[in-house]
């Protein structure tokens, strides 16, 4: 499977505000995996889940020159939350297969597992 050749970008526990505020804050340390165009602070990405379903997200930062970019997923995040019955305390694992045509992978690890 293609995911086997991937590297983990981040692993993060979902906070209550990320369920209600329509966005998921991405750890700043993971910014290397999202290559923004010059003079752009957003990027539309696709990620595959363990079932092969494609999820569309908008990755956003506060913009060029910001002292604290605080990246996050906006568009598509709430659909992912609803369709996966995501709850605060669940963990999101995000991976990347960094070849010529990069592929992102997303996985939910339930808090009770």
PDB file of N, CA and C in Angstrom:
ATOM      1  N   UNK A   1       0.836  -1.186   0.000  1.00  0.00           N
ATOM      2  CA  UNK A   1       0.000   0.000   0.000  1.00  0.00           C
ATOM      3  C   UNK A   1       0.874   1.241   0.000  1.00  0.00           C
ATOM      4  N   UNK A   2       0.429   2.297  -0.632  1.00  0.00           N
ATOM      5  CA  UNK A   2       1.215   3.516  -0.748  1.00  0.00           C
ATOM      6  C   UNK A   2       1.489   4.172   0.594  1.00  0.00           C
ATOM      7  N   UNK A   3       0.594   3.990   1.576  1.00  0.00           N
ATOM      8  CA  UNK A   3       0.788   4.604   2.878  1.00  0.00           C
ATOM      9  C   UNK A   3       2.036   4.062   3.566  1.00  0.00           C
ATOM     10  N   UNK A   4       2.426   2.842   3.233  1.00  0.00           N
ATOM     11  CA  UNK A   4       3.603   2.242   3.845  1.00  0.00           C
ATOM     12  C   UNK A   4       4.872   3.045   3.545  1.00  0.00           C
ATOM     13  N   UNK A   5       4.900   3.761   2.446  1.00  0.00           N
ATOM     14  CA  UNK A   5       6.065   4.558   2.057  1.00  0.00           C
ATOM     15  C   UNK A   5       5.983   5.980   2.600  1.00  0.00           C
ATOM     16  N   UNK A   6       5.012   6.246   3.457  1.00  0.00           N
ATOM     17  CA  UNK A   6       4.788   7.603   3.937  1.00  0.00           C
ATOM     18  C   UNK A   6       5.546   7.884   5.228  1.00  0.00           C
ATOM     19  N   UNK A   7       5.658   9.173   5.547  1.00  0.00           N
ATOM     20  CA  UNK A   7       6.273   9.618   6.795  1.00  0.00           C
ATOM     21  C   UNK A   7       5.219  10.377   7.595  1.00  0.00           C
ATOM     22  N   UNK A   8       5.272  10.208   8.900  1.00  0.00           N
ATOM     23  CA  UNK A   8       4.317  10.908   9.752  1.00  0.00           C
ATOM     24  C   UNK A   8       4.693  12.384   9.835  1.00  0.00           C
ATOM     25  N   UNK A   9       3.723  13.238   9.552  1.00  0.00           N
ATOM     26  CA  UNK A   9       3.924  14.689   9.641  1.00  0.00           C
ATOM     27  C   UNK A   9       3.613  15.156  11.054  1.00  0.00           C
ATOM     28  N   UNK A  10       2.465  14.723  11.573  1.00  0.00           N
ATOM     29  CA  UNK A  10       2.121  15.052  12.953  1.00  0.00           C
ATOM     30  C   UNK A  10       1.081  14.077  13.487  1.00  0.00           C
ATOM     31  N   UNK A  11       0.979  14.083  14.807  1.00  0.00           N
ATOM     32  CA  UNK A  11      -0.004  13.304  15.555  1.00  0.00           C
ATOM     33  C   UNK A  11      -0.496  14.250  16.641  1.00  0.00           C
ATOM     34  N   UNK A  12      -1.815  14.509  16.639  1.00  0.00           N
ATOM     35  CA  UNK A  12      -2.329  15.527  17.551  1.00  0.00           C
ATOM     36  C   UNK A  12      -3.698  15.138  18.092  1.00  0.00           C
ATOM     37  N   UNK A  13      -3.890  15.349  19.402  1.00  0.00           N
ATOM     38  CA  UNK A  13      -5.174  15.105  20.046  1.00  0.00           C
ATOM     39  C   UNK A  13      -6.114  16.265  19.731  1.00  0.00           C
ATOM     40  N   UNK A  14      -7.331  15.933  19.336  1.00  0.00           N
ATOM     41  CA  UNK A  14      -8.333  16.937  18.978  1.00  0.00           C
ATOM     42  C   UNK A  14      -8.868  17.603  20.239  1.00  0.00           C
ATOM     43  N   UNK A  15      -8.888  18.936  20.224  1.00  0.00           N
ATOM     44  CA  UNK A  15      -9.401  19.716  21.352  1.00  0.00           C
ATOM     45  C   UNK A  15     -10.887  20.025  21.140  1.00  0.00           C
ATOM     46  N   UNK A  16     -11.623  20.284  22.218  1.00  0.00           N
ATOM     47  CA  UNK A  16     -13.054  20.599  22.086  1.00  0.00           C
ATOM     48  C   UNK A  16     -13.329  21.761  21.124  1.00  0.00           C
ATOM     49  N   UNK A  17     -12.505  22.792  21.150  1.00  0.00           N
ATOM     50  CA  UNK A  17     -12.732  23.939  20.259  1.00  0.00           C
ATOM     51  C   UNK A  17     -12.559  23.573  18.792  1.00  0.00           C
ATOM     52  N   UNK A  18     -11.791  22.521  18.506  1.00  0.00           N
ATOM     53  CA  UNK A  18     -11.593  22.101  17.122  1.00  0.00           C
ATOM     54  C   UNK A  18     -12.796  21.327  16.585  1.00  0.00           C
ATOM     55  N   UNK A  19     -13.674  20.925  17.462  1.00  0.00           N
ATOM     56  CA  UNK A  19     -14.920  20.285  17.061  1.00  0.00           C
ATOM     57  C   UNK A  19     -15.987  21.348  16.789  1.00  0.00           C
ATOM     58  N   UNK A  20     -15.923  22.461  17.514  1.00  0.00           N
ATOM     59  CA  UNK A  20     -16.974  23.482  17.422  1.00  0.00           C
ATOM     60  C   UNK A  20     -16.592  24.720  16.612  1.00  0.00           C
ATOM     61  N   UNK A  21     -15.319  24.990  16.444  1.00  0.00           N
ATOM     62  CA  UNK A  21     -14.886  26.245  15.801  1.00  0.00           C
ATOM     63  C   UNK A  21     -14.587  26.135  14.310  1.00  0.00           C
ATOM     64  N   UNK A  22     -14.937  25.028  13.684  1.00  0.00           N
ATOM     65  CA  UNK A  22     -14.797  24.849  12.237  1.00  0.00           C
ATOM     66  C   UNK A  22     -13.359  24.898  11.730  1.00  0.00           C
ATOM     67  N   UNK A  23     -12.403  24.614  12.619  1.00  0.00           N
ATOM     68  CA  UNK A  23     -11.021  24.518  12.145  1.00  0.00           C
ATOM     69  C   UNK A  23     -10.195  23.654  13.087  1.00  0.00           C
ATOM     70  N   UNK A  24      -9.165  23.046  12.500  1.00  0.00           N
ATOM     71  CA  UNK A  24      -8.250  22.173  13.222  1.00  0.00           C
ATOM     72  C   UNK A  24      -6.863  22.778  13.140  1.00  0.00           C
ATOM     73  N   UNK A  25      -6.299  23.127  14.275  1.00  0.00           N
ATOM     74  CA  UNK A  25      -4.983  23.757  14.296  1.00  0.00           C
ATOM     75  C   UNK A  25      -3.908  22.703  14.035  1.00  0.00           C
ATOM     76  N   UNK A  26      -3.096  22.963  13.028  1.00  0.00           N
ATOM     77  CA  UNK A  26      -2.004  22.075  12.638  1.00  0.00           C
ATOM     78  C   UNK A  26      -0.745  22.519  13.392  1.00  0.00           C
ATOM     79  N   UNK A  27      -0.003  21.584  13.984  1.00  0.00           N
ATOM     80  CA  UNK A  27       1.231  21.986  14.673  1.00  0.00           C
ATOM     81  C   UNK A  27       2.171  22.742  13.737  1.00  0.00           C
ATOM     82  N   UNK A  28       2.731  23.827  14.225  1.00  0.00           N
ATOM     83  CA  UNK A  28       3.635  24.665  13.434  1.00  0.00           C
ATOM     84  C   UNK A  28       4.811  23.869  12.893  1.00  0.00           C
ATOM     85  N   UNK A  29       5.256  22.871  13.660  1.00  0.00           N
ATOM     86  CA  UNK A  29       6.396  22.051  13.236  1.00  0.00           C
ATOM     87  C   UNK A  29       6.111  21.271  11.960  1.00  0.00           C
ATOM     88  N   UNK A  30       4.832  21.159  11.577  1.00  0.00           N
ATOM     89  CA  UNK A  30       4.451  20.394  10.385  1.00  0.00           C
ATOM     90  C   UNK A  30       4.384  21.246   9.126  1.00  0.00           C
ATOM     91  N   UNK A  31       4.676  22.526   9.236  1.00  0.00           N
ATOM     92  CA  UNK A  31       4.541  23.420   8.078  1.00  0.00           C
ATOM     93  C   UNK A  31       5.402  23.008   6.897  1.00  0.00           C
ATOM     94  N   UNK A  32       6.492  22.327   7.141  1.00  0.00           N
ATOM     95  CA  UNK A  32       7.391  21.910   6.062  1.00  0.00           C
ATOM     96  C   UNK A  32       6.680  21.039   5.018  1.00  0.00           C
ATOM     97  N   UNK A  33       5.623  20.341   5.450  1.00  0.00           N
ATOM     98  CA  UNK A  33       4.950  19.383   4.572  1.00  0.00           C
ATOM     99  C   UNK A  33       3.917  20.019   3.652  1.00  0.00           C
ATOM    100  N   UNK A  34       3.642  21.296   3.851  1.00  0.00           N
ATOM    101  CA  UNK A  34       2.624  21.992   3.060  1.00  0.00           C
ATOM    102  C   UNK A  34       3.291  23.148   2.323  1.00  0.00           C
ATOM    103  N   UNK A  35       3.640  22.917   1.076  1.00  0.00           N
ATOM    104  CA  UNK A  35       4.399  23.901   0.312  1.00  0.00           C
ATOM    105  C   UNK A  35       3.458  24.928  -0.315  1.00  0.00           C
ATOM    106  N   UNK A  36       3.440  26.102   0.279  1.00  0.00           N
ATOM    107  CA  UNK A  36       2.602  27.185  -0.216  1.00  0.00           C
ATOM    108  C   UNK A  36       3.285  27.901  -1.372  1.00  0.00           C
ATOM    109  N   UNK A  37       2.491  28.427  -2.270  1.00  0.00           N
ATOM    110  CA  UNK A  37       3.028  29.252  -3.354  1.00  0.00           C
ATOM    111  C   UNK A  37       3.492  30.583  -2.772  1.00  0.00           C
ATOM    112  N   UNK A  38       4.428  31.239  -3.437  1.00  0.00           N
ATOM    113  CA  UNK A  38       4.896  32.547  -2.996  1.00  0.00           C
ATOM    114  C   UNK A  38       3.704  33.493  -2.916  1.00  0.00           C
ATOM    115  N   UNK A  39       3.649  34.294  -1.879  1.00  0.00           N
ATOM    116  CA  UNK A  39       2.579  35.271  -1.658  1.00  0.00           C
ATOM    117  C   UNK A  39       1.207  34.631  -1.479  1.00  0.00           C
ATOM    118  N   UNK A  40       1.162  33.416  -0.972  1.00  0.00           N
ATOM    119  CA  UNK A  40      -0.115  32.759  -0.703  1.00  0.00           C
ATOM    120  C   UNK A  40      -0.101  32.238   0.727  1.00  0.00           C
ATOM    121  N   UNK A  41      -1.256  32.283   1.357  1.00  0.00           N
ATOM    122  CA  UNK A  41      -1.345  31.754   2.714  1.00  0.00           C
ATOM    123  C   UNK A  41      -2.364  30.618   2.807  1.00  0.00           C
ATOM    124  N   UNK A  42      -2.736  30.047   1.653  1.00  0.00           N
ATOM    125  CA  UNK A  42      -3.669  28.922   1.679  1.00  0.00           C
ATOM    126  C   UNK A  42      -3.347  27.922   0.586  1.00  0.00           C
ATOM    127  N   UNK A  43      -3.769  26.682   0.845  1.00  0.00           N
ATOM    128  CA  UNK A  43      -3.503  25.588  -0.070  1.00  0.00           C
ATOM    129  C   UNK A  43      -4.623  24.569   0.076  1.00  0.00           C
ATOM    130  N   UNK A  44      -5.211  24.159  -1.031  1.00  0.00           N
ATOM    131  CA  UNK A  44      -6.214  23.100  -1.011  1.00  0.00           C
ATOM    132  C   UNK A  44      -5.501  21.769  -1.144  1.00  0.00           C
ATOM    133  N   UNK A  45      -5.778  20.856  -0.213  1.00  0.00           N
ATOM    134  CA  UNK A  45      -5.120  19.549  -0.226  1.00  0.00           C
ATOM    135  C   UNK A  45      -6.165  18.442  -0.164  1.00  0.00           C
ATOM    136  N   UNK A  46      -5.739  17.258  -0.551  1.00  0.00           N
ATOM    137  CA  UNK A  46      -6.556  16.057  -0.436  1.00  0.00           C
ATOM    138  C   UNK A  46      -5.794  15.056   0.416  1.00  0.00           C
ATOM    139  N   UNK A  47      -6.534  14.335   1.242  1.00  0.00           N
ATOM    140  CA  UNK A  47      -5.926  13.306   2.074  1.00  0.00           C
ATOM    141  C   UNK A  47      -6.783  12.049   2.000  1.00  0.00           C
ATOM    142  N   UNK A  48      -6.130  10.913   1.947  1.00  0.00           N
ATOM    143  CA  UNK A  48      -6.822   9.623   1.928  1.00  0.00           C
ATOM    144  C   UNK A  48      -6.911   9.066   3.338  1.00  0.00           C
ATOM    145  N   UNK A  49      -8.066   8.475   3.676  1.00  0.00           N
ATOM    146  CA  UNK A  49      -8.173   7.810   4.965  1.00  0.00           C
ATOM    147  C   UNK A  49      -7.862   6.321   4.799  1.00  0.00           C
ATOM    148  N   UNK A  50      -7.965   5.569   5.883  1.00  0.00           N
ATOM    149  CA  UNK A  50      -7.592   4.147   5.843  1.00  0.00           C
ATOM    150  C   UNK A  50      -8.519   3.325   4.958  1.00  0.00           C
ATOM    151  N   UNK A  51      -9.697   3.856   4.646  1.00  0.00           N
ATOM    152  CA  UNK A  51     -10.635   3.163   3.764  1.00  0.00           C
ATOM    153  C   UNK A  51     -10.494   3.589   2.307  1.00  0.00           C
ATOM    154  N   UNK A  52      -9.553   4.478   2.018  1.00  0.00           N
ATOM    155  CA  UNK A  52      -9.342   4.942   0.656  1.00  0.00           C
ATOM    156  C   UNK A  52     -10.235   6.111   0.254  1.00  0.00           C
ATOM    157  N   UNK A  53     -11.004   6.657   1.201  1.00  0.00           N
ATOM    158  CA  UNK A  53     -11.862   7.806   0.910  1.00  0.00           C
ATOM    159  C   UNK A  53     -11.014   9.073   0.880  1.00  0.00           C
ATOM    160  N   UNK A  54     -11.322   9.948  -0.071  1.00  0.00           N
ATOM    161  CA  UNK A  54     -10.593  11.213  -0.213  1.00  0.00           C
ATOM    162  C   UNK A  54     -11.303  12.313   0.562  1.00  0.00           C
ATOM    163  N   UNK A  55     -10.523  13.062   1.332  1.00  0.00           N
ATOM    164  CA  UNK A  55     -11.034  14.210   2.093  1.00  0.00           C
ATOM    165  C   UNK A  55     -10.344  15.467   1.582  1.00  0.00           C
ATOM    166  N   UNK A  56     -11.115  16.520   1.370  1.00  0.00           N
ATOM    167  CA  UNK A  56     -10.579  17.794   0.891  1.00  0.00           C
ATOM    168  C   UNK A  56     -10.526  18.794   2.038  1.00  0.00           C
ATOM    169  N   UNK A  57      -9.366  19.408   2.206  1.00  0.00           N
ATOM    170  CA  UNK A  57      -9.177  20.412   3.255  1.00  0.00           C
ATOM    171  C   UNK A  57      -8.538  21.660   2.653  1.00  0.00           C
ATOM    172  N   UNK A  58      -8.785  22.771   3.296  1.00  0.00           N
ATOM    173  CA  UNK A  58      -8.037  23.985   2.972  1.00  0.00           C
ATOM    174  C   UNK A  58      -7.071  24.211   4.120  1.00  0.00           C
ATOM    175  N   UNK A  59      -5.791  24.244   3.785  1.00  0.00           N
ATOM    176  CA  UNK A  59      -4.721  24.525   4.747  1.00  0.00           C
ATOM    177  C   UNK A  59      -4.455  26.021   4.684  1.00  0.00           C
ATOM    178  N   UNK A  60      -4.481  26.700   5.840  1.00  0.00           N
ATOM    179  CA  UNK A  60      -4.358  28.156   5.888  1.00  0.00           C
ATOM    180  C   UNK A  60      -3.329  28.551   6.941  1.00  0.00           C
ATOM    181  N   UNK A  61      -2.551  29.589   6.644  1.00  0.00           N
ATOM    182  CA  UNK A  61      -1.687  30.201   7.647  1.00  0.00           C
ATOM    183  C   UNK A  61      -2.084  31.670   7.748  1.00  0.00           C
ATOM    184  N   UNK A  62      -1.524  32.363   8.694  1.00  0.00           N
ATOM    185  CA  UNK A  62      -1.861  33.785   8.857  1.00  0.00           C
ATOM    186  C   UNK A  62      -1.231  34.661   7.786  1.00  0.00           C
ATOM    187  N   UNK A  63      -0.397  34.087   6.974  1.00  0.00           N
ATOM    188  CA  UNK A  63       0.130  34.849   5.856  1.00  0.00           C
ATOM    189  C   UNK A  63       1.608  35.144   5.951  1.00  0.00           C
ATOM    190  N   UNK A  64       2.192  35.529   4.814  1.00  0.00           N
ATOM    191  CA  UNK A  64       3.623  35.831   4.764  1.00  0.00           C
ATOM    192  C   UNK A  64       3.970  36.954   5.727  1.00  0.00           C
ATOM    193  N   UNK A  65       5.087  36.787   6.426  1.00  0.00           N
ATOM    194  CA  UNK A  65       5.559  37.830   7.331  1.00  0.00           C
ATOM    195  C   UNK A  65       4.961  37.765   8.724  1.00  0.00           C
ATOM    196  N   UNK A  66       4.024  36.889   8.962  1.00  0.00           N
ATOM    197  CA  UNK A  66       3.425  36.777  10.286  1.00  0.00           C
ATOM    198  C   UNK A  66       4.435  36.166  11.251  1.00  0.00           C
ATOM    199  N   UNK A  67       4.475  36.685  12.461  1.00  0.00           N
ATOM    200  CA  UNK A  67       5.404  36.157  13.468  1.00  0.00           C
ATOM    201  C   UNK A  67       4.940  34.810  14.008  1.00  0.00           C
ATOM    202  N   UNK A  68       3.650  34.567  13.970  1.00  0.00           N
ATOM    203  CA  UNK A  68       3.097  33.301  14.445  1.00  0.00           C
ATOM    204  C   UNK A  68       2.063  32.829  13.429  1.00  0.00           C
ATOM    205  N   UNK A  69       2.490  32.007  12.470  1.00  0.00           N
ATOM    206  CA  UNK A  69       1.609  31.648  11.363  1.00  0.00           C
ATOM    207  C   UNK A  69       0.387  30.811  11.755  1.00  0.00           C
ATOM    208  N   UNK A  70       0.436  30.048  12.843  1.00  0.00           N
ATOM    209  CA  UNK A  70      -0.655  29.195  13.310  1.00  0.00           C
ATOM    210  C   UNK A  70      -1.444  28.564  12.166  1.00  0.00           C
ATOM    211  N   UNK A  71      -0.872  27.562  11.508  1.00  0.00           N
ATOM    212  CA  UNK A  71      -1.585  26.900  10.408  1.00  0.00           C
ATOM    213  C   UNK A  71      -2.791  26.112  10.905  1.00  0.00           C
ATOM    214  N   UNK A  72      -3.777  25.968  10.039  1.00  0.00           N
ATOM    215  CA  UNK A  72      -4.966  25.205  10.395  1.00  0.00           C
ATOM    216  C   UNK A  72      -5.669  24.703   9.140  1.00  0.00           C
ATOM    217  N   UNK A  73      -6.515  23.673   9.334  1.00  0.00           N
ATOM    218  CA  UNK A  73      -7.412  23.201   8.284  1.00  0.00           C
ATOM    219  C   UNK A  73      -8.744  23.889   8.499  1.00  0.00           C
ATOM    220  N   UNK A  74      -9.302  24.453   7.438  1.00  0.00           N
ATOM    221  CA  UNK A  74     -10.613  25.095   7.544  1.00  0.00           C
ATOM    222  C   UNK A  74     -11.602  24.331   6.675  1.00  0.00           C
ATOM    223  N   UNK A  75     -11.816  24.788   5.450  1.00  0.00           N
ATOM    224  CA  UNK A  75     -12.806  24.161   4.575  1.00  0.00           C
ATOM    225  C   UNK A  75     -12.606  22.646   4.537  1.00  0.00           C
ATOM    226  N   UNK A  76     -13.693  21.918   4.718  1.00  0.00           N
ATOM    227  CA  UNK A  76     -13.646  20.461   4.696  1.00  0.00           C
ATOM    228  C   UNK A  76     -13.495  19.828   6.069  1.00  0.00           C
ATOM    229  N   UNK A  77     -13.014  20.600   7.038  1.00  0.00           N
ATOM    230  CA  UNK A  77     -12.772  20.044   8.370  1.00  0.00           C
ATOM    231  C   UNK A  77     -14.070  19.581   9.047  1.00  0.00           C
ATOM    232  N   UNK A  78     -15.120  20.402   9.019  1.00  0.00           N
ATOM    233  CA  UNK A  78     -16.356  20.044   9.716  1.00  0.00           C
ATOM    234  C   UNK A  78     -17.028  18.825   9.079  1.00  0.00           C
ATOM    235  N   UNK A  79     -16.916  18.664   7.777  1.00  0.00           N
ATOM    236  CA  UNK A  79     -17.450  17.462   7.121  1.00  0.00           C
ATOM    237  C   UNK A  79     -16.699  16.235   7.634  1.00  0.00           C
ATOM    238  N   UNK A  80     -15.390  16.356   7.757  1.00  0.00           N
ATOM    239  CA  UNK A  80     -14.587  15.259   8.285  1.00  0.00           C
ATOM    240  C   UNK A  80     -15.012  14.934   9.720  1.00  0.00           C
ATOM    241  N   UNK A  81     -15.228  15.967  10.536  1.00  0.00           N
ATOM    242  CA  UNK A  81     -15.662  15.785  11.925  1.00  0.00           C
ATOM    243  C   UNK A  81     -16.987  15.031  11.971  1.00  0.00           C
ATOM    244  N   UNK A  82     -17.969  15.502  11.201  1.00  0.00           N
ATOM    245  CA  UNK A  82     -19.302  14.886  11.212  1.00  0.00           C
ATOM    246  C   UNK A  82     -19.274  13.457  10.668  1.00  0.00           C
ATOM    247  N   UNK A  83     -18.666  13.268   9.517  1.00  0.00           N
ATOM    248  CA  UNK A  83     -18.679  11.954   8.870  1.00  0.00           C
ATOM    249  C   UNK A  83     -17.912  10.892   9.650  1.00  0.00           C
ATOM    250  N   UNK A  84     -16.970  11.325  10.487  1.00  0.00           N
ATOM    251  CA  UNK A  84     -16.169  10.384  11.279  1.00  0.00           C
ATOM    252  C   UNK A  84     -16.559  10.370  12.753  1.00  0.00           C
ATOM    253  N   UNK A  85     -17.640  11.077  13.097  1.00  0.00           N
ATOM    254  CA  UNK A  85     -18.095  11.171  14.497  1.00  0.00           C
ATOM    255  C   UNK A  85     -16.933  11.498  15.424  1.00  0.00           C
ATOM    256  N   UNK A  86     -16.122  12.467  14.996  1.00  0.00           N
ATOM    257  CA  UNK A  86     -14.934  12.847  15.744  1.00  0.00           C
ATOM    258  C   UNK A  86     -15.323  13.485  17.073  1.00  0.00           C
ATOM    259  N   UNK A  87     -14.572  13.180  18.105  1.00  0.00           N
ATOM    260  CA  UNK A  87     -14.811  13.736  19.429  1.00  0.00           C
ATOM    261  C   UNK A  87     -13.518  14.286  19.983  1.00  0.00           C
ATOM    262  N   UNK A  88     -13.664  15.258  20.903  1.00  0.00           N
ATOM    263  CA  UNK A  88     -12.489  15.775  21.602  1.00  0.00           C
ATOM    264  C   UNK A  88     -11.809  14.603  22.303  1.00  0.00           C
ATOM    265  N   UNK A  89     -10.489  14.563  22.203  1.00  0.00           N
ATOM    266  CA  UNK A  89      -9.722  13.470  22.790  1.00  0.00           C
ATOM    267  C   UNK A  89      -9.289  12.428  21.776  1.00  0.00           C
ATOM    268  N   UNK A  90      -9.978  12.375  20.617  1.00  0.00           N
ATOM    269  CA  UNK A  90      -9.505  11.514  19.534  1.00  0.00           C
ATOM    270  C   UNK A  90      -8.193  12.096  19.008  1.00  0.00           C
ATOM    271  N   UNK A  91      -7.415  11.282  18.339  1.00  0.00           N
ATOM    272  CA  UNK A  91      -6.131  11.733  17.808  1.00  0.00           C
ATOM    273  C   UNK A  91      -6.151  11.675  16.290  1.00  0.00           C
ATOM    274  N   UNK A  92      -5.621  12.725  15.678  1.00  0.00           N
ATOM    275  CA  UNK A  92      -5.455  12.778  14.229  1.00  0.00           C
ATOM    276  C   UNK A  92      -3.993  12.458  13.919  1.00  0.00           C
ATOM    277  N   UNK A  93      -3.791  11.500  13.022  1.00  0.00           N
ATOM    278  CA  UNK A  93      -2.450  11.171  12.538  1.00  0.00           C
ATOM    279  C   UNK A  93      -2.433  11.566  11.065  1.00  0.00           C
ATOM    280  N   UNK A  94      -1.475  12.404  10.693  1.00  0.00           N
ATOM    281  CA  UNK A  94      -1.390  12.903   9.323  1.00  0.00           C
ATOM    282  C   UNK A  94      -0.037  12.507   8.759  1.00  0.00           C
ATOM    283  N   UNK A  95      -0.056  11.891   7.570  1.00  0.00           N
ATOM    284  CA  UNK A  95       1.171  11.392   6.942  1.00  0.00           C
ATOM    285  C   UNK A  95       1.297  11.926   5.520  1.00  0.00           C
ATOM    286  N   UNK A  96       2.495  11.790   4.994  1.00  0.00           N
ATOM    287  CA  UNK A  96       2.795  12.240   3.637  1.00  0.00           C
ATOM    288  C   UNK A  96       3.684  11.229   2.952  1.00  0.00           C
ATOM    289  N   UNK A  97       3.322  10.891   1.706  1.00  0.00           N
ATOM    290  CA  UNK A  97       4.223  10.118   0.846  1.00  0.00           C
ATOM    291  C   UNK A  97       4.894  11.157  -0.042  1.00  0.00           C
ATOM    292  N   UNK A  98       6.136  11.520   0.277  1.00  0.00           N
ATOM    293  CA  UNK A  98       6.789  12.674  -0.364  1.00  0.00           C
ATOM    294  C   UNK A  98       7.534  12.356  -1.657  1.00  0.00           C
ATOM    295  N   UNK A  99       6.832  11.872  -2.652  1.00  0.00           N
ATOM    296  CA  UNK A  99       7.472  11.623  -3.941  1.00  0.00           C
ATOM    297  C   UNK A  99       7.121  12.756  -4.905  1.00  0.00           C
ATOM    298  N   UNK A 100       7.347  12.559  -6.204  1.00  0.00           N
ATOM    299  CA  UNK A 100       7.064  13.600  -7.190  1.00  0.00           C
ATOM    300  C   UNK A 100       5.631  14.113  -7.108  1.00  0.00           C
ATOM    301  N   UNK A 101       4.705  13.200  -6.868  1.00  0.00           N
ATOM    302  CA  UNK A 101       3.298  13.557  -6.726  1.00  0.00           C
ATOM    303  C   UNK A 101       2.898  13.211  -5.296  1.00  0.00           C
ATOM    304  N   UNK A 102       3.088  14.139  -4.335  1.00  0.00           N
ATOM    305  CA  UNK A 102       2.863  13.798  -2.928  1.00  0.00           C
ATOM    306  C   UNK A 102       1.412  13.412  -2.640  1.00  0.00           C
ATOM    307  N   UNK A 103       1.264  12.471  -1.718  1.00  0.00           N
ATOM    308  CA  UNK A 103      -0.059  12.035  -1.279  1.00  0.00           C
ATOM    309  C   UNK A 103      -0.100  12.156   0.244  1.00  0.00           C
ATOM    310  N   UNK A 104      -1.170  12.784   0.739  1.00  0.00           N
ATOM    311  CA  UNK A 104      -1.388  12.910   2.178  1.00  0.00           C
ATOM    312  C   UNK A 104      -2.334  11.804   2.645  1.00  0.00           C
ATOM    313  N   UNK A 105      -2.149  11.377   3.882  1.00  0.00           N
ATOM    314  CA  UNK A 105      -2.992  10.369   4.512  1.00  0.00           C
ATOM    315  C   UNK A 105      -3.469  10.896   5.853  1.00  0.00           C
ATOM    316  N   UNK A 106      -4.721  10.618   6.210  1.00  0.00           N
ATOM    317  CA  UNK A 106      -5.274  11.033   7.499  1.00  0.00           C
ATOM    318  C   UNK A 106      -5.899   9.826   8.181  1.00  0.00           C
ATOM    319  N   UNK A 107      -5.681   9.734   9.484  1.00  0.00           N
ATOM    320  CA  UNK A 107      -6.217   8.617  10.249  1.00  0.00           C
ATOM    321  C   UNK A 107      -6.730   9.144  11.586  1.00  0.00           C
ATOM    322  N   UNK A 108      -7.834   8.566  12.048  1.00  0.00           N
ATOM    323  CA  UNK A 108      -8.390   8.892  13.363  1.00  0.00           C
ATOM    324  C   UNK A 108      -8.077   7.741  14.309  1.00  0.00           C
ATOM    325  N   UNK A 109      -7.496   8.057  15.456  1.00  0.00           N
ATOM    326  CA  UNK A 109      -7.284   7.075  16.510  1.00  0.00           C
ATOM    327  C   UNK A 109      -8.206   7.483  17.653  1.00  0.00           C
ATOM    328  N   UNK A 110      -9.159   6.627  17.969  1.00  0.00           N
ATOM    329  CA  UNK A 110     -10.165   6.938  18.992  1.00  0.00           C
ATOM    330  C   UNK A 110      -9.544   7.023  20.374  1.00  0.00           C
ATOM    331  N   UNK A 111     -10.046   7.933  21.185  1.00  0.00           N
ATOM    332  CA  UNK A 111      -9.489   8.139  22.537  1.00  0.00           C
ATOM    333  C   UNK A 111      -9.648   6.914  23.433  1.00  0.00           C
ATOM    334  N   UNK A 112     -10.613   6.059  23.127  1.00  0.00           N
ATOM    335  CA  UNK A 112     -10.852   4.883  23.959  1.00  0.00           C
ATOM    336  C   UNK A 112     -10.127   3.639  23.468  1.00  0.00           C
ATOM    337  N   UNK A 113      -9.236   3.789  22.489  1.00  0.00           N
ATOM    338  CA  UNK A 113      -8.534   2.615  21.941  1.00  0.00           C
ATOM    339  C   UNK A 113      -7.148   2.490  22.515  1.00  0.00           C
TER     340      UNK A 113
END
